[in-house]
Each structure stands twice: as C-alpha cells, then as structure tokens.
Amino acid sequence: MSANYHTHIITDDNNSVLVAKLSRQEDEYFAPETPDLLDYLAQVDHIEHYDLMIDARRFMDEFEIHQVMVLAEKWRLLFKDKPKEPILALICRDELQLNHYSIIQAYFTARRHCGFTCFDQALDWMKTKRLEITKPNPVNS
C-alpha cells in the first residue's frame, strides 16, 4: 500500500495529535522515501499519548478492501499491548469519500473514531472525546 500514497506527518504537541496528510503518488509533494503510515507510527515513542488525525482530502484514490484489511491488522498489532488506543479522526474531501470510509471503518479496532469533511470539526471532536475520557466518573469517585 505504501507505493500508492505519500504520508506527511505533522506532530501537534499542543493538542497531542499526530496529523497524517495522505496524498496520491502523483501529487507534487510526493516523496518516494516516505514510510507507510502505520510503519511510521510504530516508531513513535509513547504513541499512546497521541491521537491520530488522517487528512485524506488530497488522497484521490479509494482504498481497496485488501489494503484496508492489511492496515487494520497493522493497527491491531500496533496497539494491542498499549494502555489505550488513540482517538482516530479521518478527514475526507467530500461526502462520497466519507461514505466510503463508513464502510471500511468496521475493519478497525479503534473504539473512538469518526469521519469528517472539515479539519476544524475533526479537531473539535477529538478535543471533546479526550475530555470525556479524562473526566472523572462521578459513580467511581
């Protein structure tokens, strides 16, 4: 799958978010030495402290189902021994791509994930989810 797309990772330490910008191979920003997204994430120290936003607005191809299954298995292996999985937001270019995401999201084990067509909406959703996770449970207090 890494031959089909380029990944540019931006670390947003203020929000504890890794932003992965995907673009197709023909894109002007393509760099052939870029690692596969999940291979890159496997090298991040303390990956469990970050949430993940995948910006696929420049990715014009559709993932094939076998590619999704490979990514989902890598995702499962990457987080199986971690204390928590990241919150996952996917930003799509349009409603059609977003609908495609809703079909493939079932392959991922991430419990907190959602698709969007706007970066700001995705970031706001991630912040809200993070607050829900860190808020003390009054029943257990």
C-alpha atoms as a PDB file:
ATOM      1  CA  MET A   1       0.000   0.000   0.000  1.00  0.00           C
ATOM      2  CA  SER A   2       2.831   2.433   0.683  1.00  0.00           C
ATOM      3  CA  ALA A   3       3.555   2.556  -3.053  1.00  0.00           C
ATOM      4  CA  ASN A   4       0.141   4.139  -3.679  1.00  0.00           C
ATOM      5  CA  TYR A   5       0.338   7.107  -1.359  1.00  0.00           C
ATOM      6  CA  HIS A   6       2.622   9.565   0.355  1.00  0.00           C
ATOM      7  CA  THR A   7       2.357  10.332   4.056  1.00  0.00           C
ATOM      8  CA  HIS A   8       3.433  13.607   5.609  1.00  0.00           C
ATOM      9  CA  ILE A   9       3.265  13.565   9.425  1.00  0.00           C
ATOM     10  CA  ILE A  10       2.838  16.709  11.499  1.00  0.00           C
ATOM     11  CA  THR A  11       3.143  16.474  15.270  1.00  0.00           C
ATOM     12  CA  ASP A  12       0.839  18.835  17.148  1.00  0.00           C
ATOM     13  CA  ASP A  13       2.148  18.574  20.704  1.00  0.00           C
ATOM     14  CA  ASN A  14      -0.240  21.284  21.955  1.00  0.00           C
ATOM     15  CA  ASN A  15      -3.218  19.048  21.165  1.00  0.00           C
ATOM     16  CA  SER A  16      -1.387  15.684  21.484  1.00  0.00           C
ATOM     17  CA  VAL A  17      -2.339  14.862  17.895  1.00  0.00           C
ATOM     18  CA  LEU A  18      -0.391  13.350  15.042  1.00  0.00           C
ATOM     19  CA  VAL A  19      -1.755  14.669  11.756  1.00  0.00           C
ATOM     20  CA  ALA A  20      -1.066  12.344   8.837  1.00  0.00           C
ATOM     21  CA  LYS A  21      -1.628  14.014   5.485  1.00  0.00           C
ATOM     22  CA  LEU A  22      -2.116  11.452   2.731  1.00  0.00           C
ATOM     23  CA  SER A  23      -1.688  12.305  -0.908  1.00  0.00           C
ATOM     24  CA  ARG A  24      -1.500  10.207  -4.015  1.00  0.00           C
ATOM     25  CA  GLN A  25       1.794   9.268  -5.588  1.00  0.00           C
ATOM     26  CA  GLU A  26       1.428  11.746  -8.468  1.00  0.00           C
ATOM     27  CA  ASP A  27       0.979  14.662  -6.062  1.00  0.00           C
ATOM     28  CA  GLU A  28       3.599  17.416  -6.236  1.00  0.00           C
ATOM     29  CA  TYR A  29       4.533  16.720  -2.606  1.00  0.00           C
ATOM     30  CA  PHE A  30       5.218  13.034  -3.169  1.00  0.00           C
ATOM     31  CA  ALA A  31       8.440  11.770  -1.640  1.00  0.00           C
ATOM     32  CA  PRO A  32       9.233   8.127  -2.519  1.00  0.00           C
ATOM     33  CA  GLU A  33      11.178   7.503   0.701  1.00  0.00           C
ATOM     34  CA  THR A  34       8.122   8.172   2.876  1.00  0.00           C
ATOM     35  CA  PRO A  35       7.259   5.170   5.074  1.00  0.00           C
ATOM     36  CA  ASP A  36       3.886   3.513   5.308  1.00  0.00           C
ATOM     37  CA  LEU A  37       1.689   5.389   7.820  1.00  0.00           C
ATOM     38  CA  LEU A  38       1.428   2.588  10.356  1.00  0.00           C
ATOM     39  CA  ASP A  39       5.099   1.667   9.979  1.00  0.00           C
ATOM     40  CA  TYR A  40       5.856   5.277  10.868  1.00  0.00           C
ATOM     41  CA  LEU A  41       3.502   5.221  13.861  1.00  0.00           C
ATOM     42  CA  ALA A  42       5.188   2.069  15.140  1.00  0.00           C
ATOM     43  CA  GLN A  43       8.390   4.104  15.533  1.00  0.00           C
ATOM     44  CA  VAL A  44       6.796   6.950  17.546  1.00  0.00           C
ATOM     45  CA  ASP A  45       7.828   6.894  21.209  1.00  0.00           C
ATOM     46  CA  HIS A  46       4.839   6.754  23.544  1.00  0.00           C
ATOM     47  CA  ILE A  47       2.357   6.556  20.672  1.00  0.00           C
ATOM     48  CA  GLU A  48      -0.403   6.017  23.230  1.00  0.00           C
ATOM     49  CA  HIS A  49      -0.050   9.689  24.296  1.00  0.00           C
ATOM     50  CA  TYR A  50      -1.165  10.903  20.865  1.00  0.00           C
ATOM     51  CA  ASP A  51      -4.421  10.796  18.996  1.00  0.00           C
ATOM     52  CA  LEU A  52      -4.411  10.414  15.223  1.00  0.00           C
ATOM     53  CA  MET A  53      -5.986  12.563  12.550  1.00  0.00           C
ATOM     54  CA  ILE A  54      -5.714  11.284   8.985  1.00  0.00           C
ATOM     55  CA  ASP A  55      -6.237  14.010   6.407  1.00  0.00           C
ATOM     56  CA  ALA A  56      -7.157  12.197   3.195  1.00  0.00           C
ATOM     57  CA  ARG A  57      -8.532  15.202   1.303  1.00  0.00           C
ATOM     58  CA  ARG A  58      -5.631  15.088  -1.189  1.00  0.00           C
ATOM     59  CA  PHE A  59      -5.809  11.305  -1.497  1.00  0.00           C
ATOM     60  CA  MET A  60      -7.839  10.834  -4.649  1.00  0.00           C
ATOM     61  CA  ASP A  61      -7.832   7.049  -4.890  1.00  0.00           C
ATOM     62  CA  GLU A  62     -10.081   4.696  -2.987  1.00  0.00           C
ATOM     63  CA  PHE A  63      -8.566   2.071  -0.723  1.00  0.00           C
ATOM     64  CA  GLU A  64      -9.108  -1.448  -1.931  1.00  0.00           C
ATOM     65  CA  ILE A  65     -10.545  -3.842   0.624  1.00  0.00           C
ATOM     66  CA  HIS A  66      -7.350  -5.933   0.901  1.00  0.00           C
ATOM     67  CA  GLN A  67      -5.393  -2.723   1.608  1.00  0.00           C
ATOM     68  CA  VAL A  68      -7.838  -1.836   4.362  1.00  0.00           C
ATOM     69  CA  MET A  69      -7.504  -5.292   5.869  1.00  0.00           C
ATOM     70  CA  VAL A  70      -3.686  -5.004   5.906  1.00  0.00           C
ATOM     71  CA  LEU A  71      -3.894  -1.573   7.556  1.00  0.00           C
ATOM     72  CA  ALA A  72      -6.432  -2.820  10.094  1.00  0.00           C
ATOM     73  CA  GLU A  73      -4.199  -5.746  11.069  1.00  0.00           C
ATOM     74  CA  LYS A  74      -1.185  -3.442  11.454  1.00  0.00           C
ATOM     75  CA  TRP A  75      -3.353  -1.120  13.580  1.00  0.00           C
ATOM     76  CA  ARG A  76      -4.426  -4.021  15.817  1.00  0.00           C
ATOM     77  CA  LEU A  77      -0.843  -5.201  16.287  1.00  0.00           C
ATOM     78  CA  LEU A  78       0.454  -1.693  16.926  1.00  0.00           C
ATOM     79  CA  PHE A  79      -1.948  -1.026  19.809  1.00  0.00           C
ATOM     80  CA  LYS A  80      -2.550  -4.493  21.258  1.00  0.00           C
ATOM     81  CA  ASP A  81      -0.041  -4.011  24.120  1.00  0.00           C
ATOM     82  CA  LYS A  82      -0.626  -0.291  24.655  1.00  0.00           C
ATOM     83  CA  PRO A  83      -2.682   1.074  27.559  1.00  0.00           C
ATOM     84  CA  LYS A  84      -5.056   2.827  25.160  1.00  0.00           C
ATOM     85  CA  GLU A  85      -5.825   3.234  21.509  1.00  0.00           C
ATOM     86  CA  PRO A  86      -5.786   6.733  20.086  1.00  0.00           C
ATOM     87  CA  ILE A  87      -8.858   8.660  19.114  1.00  0.00           C
ATOM     88  CA  LEU A  88      -8.972   8.466  15.329  1.00  0.00           C
ATOM     89  CA  ALA A  89     -10.432  11.113  13.025  1.00  0.00           C
ATOM     90  CA  LEU A  90     -10.434  10.860   9.247  1.00  0.00           C
ATOM     91  CA  ILE A  91     -10.884  13.978   7.145  1.00  0.00           C
ATOM     92  CA  CYS A  92     -12.334  13.268   3.711  1.00  0.00           C
ATOM     93  CA  ARG A  93     -12.548  15.515   0.657  1.00  0.00           C
ATOM     94  CA  ASP A  94     -16.299  15.090   0.201  1.00  0.00           C
ATOM     95  CA  GLU A  95     -19.381  13.145   1.266  1.00  0.00           C
ATOM     96  CA  LEU A  96     -18.671  10.354  -1.230  1.00  0.00           C
ATOM     97  CA  GLN A  97     -15.241   9.640   0.260  1.00  0.00           C
ATOM     98  CA  LEU A  98     -16.770   9.948   3.745  1.00  0.00           C
ATOM     99  CA  ASN A  99     -19.380   7.322   2.841  1.00  0.00           C
ATOM    100  CA  HIS A 100     -16.596   5.028   1.625  1.00  0.00           C
ATOM    101  CA  TYR A 101     -14.860   5.475   4.980  1.00  0.00           C
ATOM    102  CA  SER A 102     -18.020   4.479   6.844  1.00  0.00           C
ATOM    103  CA  ILE A 103     -17.894   1.141   5.035  1.00  0.00           C
ATOM    104  CA  ILE A 104     -14.241   0.376   5.833  1.00  0.00           C
ATOM    105  CA  GLN A 105     -14.182   1.657   9.425  1.00  0.00           C
ATOM    106  CA  ALA A 106     -15.638  -1.621  10.690  1.00  0.00           C
ATOM    107  CA  TYR A 107     -12.271  -3.272   9.997  1.00  0.00           C
ATOM    108  CA  PHE A 108     -10.502  -1.136  12.611  1.00  0.00           C
ATOM    109  CA  THR A 109     -10.497  -1.871  16.334  1.00  0.00           C
ATOM    110  CA  ALA A 110     -10.379   1.801  17.338  1.00  0.00           C
ATOM    111  CA  ARG A 111     -13.341   2.364  19.614  1.00  0.00           C
ATOM    112  CA  ARG A 112     -13.407   6.138  19.206  1.00  0.00           C
ATOM    113  CA  HIS A 113     -13.274   7.116  15.555  1.00  0.00           C
ATOM    114  CA  CYS A 114     -15.251   9.334  13.238  1.00  0.00           C
ATOM    115  CA  GLY A 115     -15.100  10.795   9.740  1.00  0.00           C
ATOM    116  CA  PHE A 116     -15.329  14.463   8.771  1.00  0.00           C
ATOM    117  CA  THR A 117     -15.015  16.764   5.775  1.00  0.00           C
ATOM    118  CA  CYS A 118     -13.582  19.677   7.807  1.00  0.00           C
ATOM    119  CA  PHE A 119     -10.298  19.830   9.749  1.00  0.00           C
ATOM    120  CA  ASP A 120     -11.647  22.136  12.477  1.00  0.00           C
ATOM    121  CA  GLN A 121     -14.677  19.923  13.117  1.00  0.00           C
ATOM    122  CA  ALA A 122     -12.415  16.892  13.420  1.00  0.00           C
ATOM    123  CA  LEU A 123     -10.080  18.626  15.887  1.00  0.00           C
ATOM    124  CA  ASP A 124     -13.007  19.920  17.991  1.00  0.00           C
ATOM    125  CA  TRP A 125     -14.497  16.405  18.090  1.00  0.00           C
ATOM    126  CA  MET A 126     -11.149  14.952  19.170  1.00  0.00           C
ATOM    127  CA  LYS A 127     -10.804  17.511  21.986  1.00  0.00           C
ATOM    128  CA  THR A 128     -14.330  16.717  23.193  1.00  0.00           C
ATOM    129  CA  LYS A 129     -13.666  12.971  23.131  1.00  0.00           C
ATOM    130  CA  ARG A 130     -10.411  13.432  25.026  1.00  0.00           C
ATOM    131  CA  LEU A 131     -12.229  15.427  27.722  1.00  0.00           C
ATOM    132  CA  GLU A 132     -14.831  12.669  28.024  1.00  0.00           C
ATOM    133  CA  ILE A 133     -12.075  10.118  28.516  1.00  0.00           C
ATOM    134  CA  THR A 134     -10.151  12.112  31.107  1.00  0.00           C
ATOM    135  CA  LYS A 135     -13.198  13.383  33.023  1.00  0.00           C
ATOM    136  CA  PRO A 136     -13.551  11.552  36.338  1.00  0.00           C
ATOM    137  CA  ASN A 137     -16.511   9.209  36.583  1.00  0.00           C
ATOM    138  CA  PRO A 138     -18.732  10.520  39.436  1.00  0.00           C
ATOM    139  CA  VAL A 139     -20.024   6.994  40.156  1.00  0.00           C
ATOM    140  CA  ASN A 140     -16.484   5.765  40.923  1.00  0.00           C
ATOM    141  CA  SER A 141     -15.372   8.879  42.831  1.00  0.00           C
END
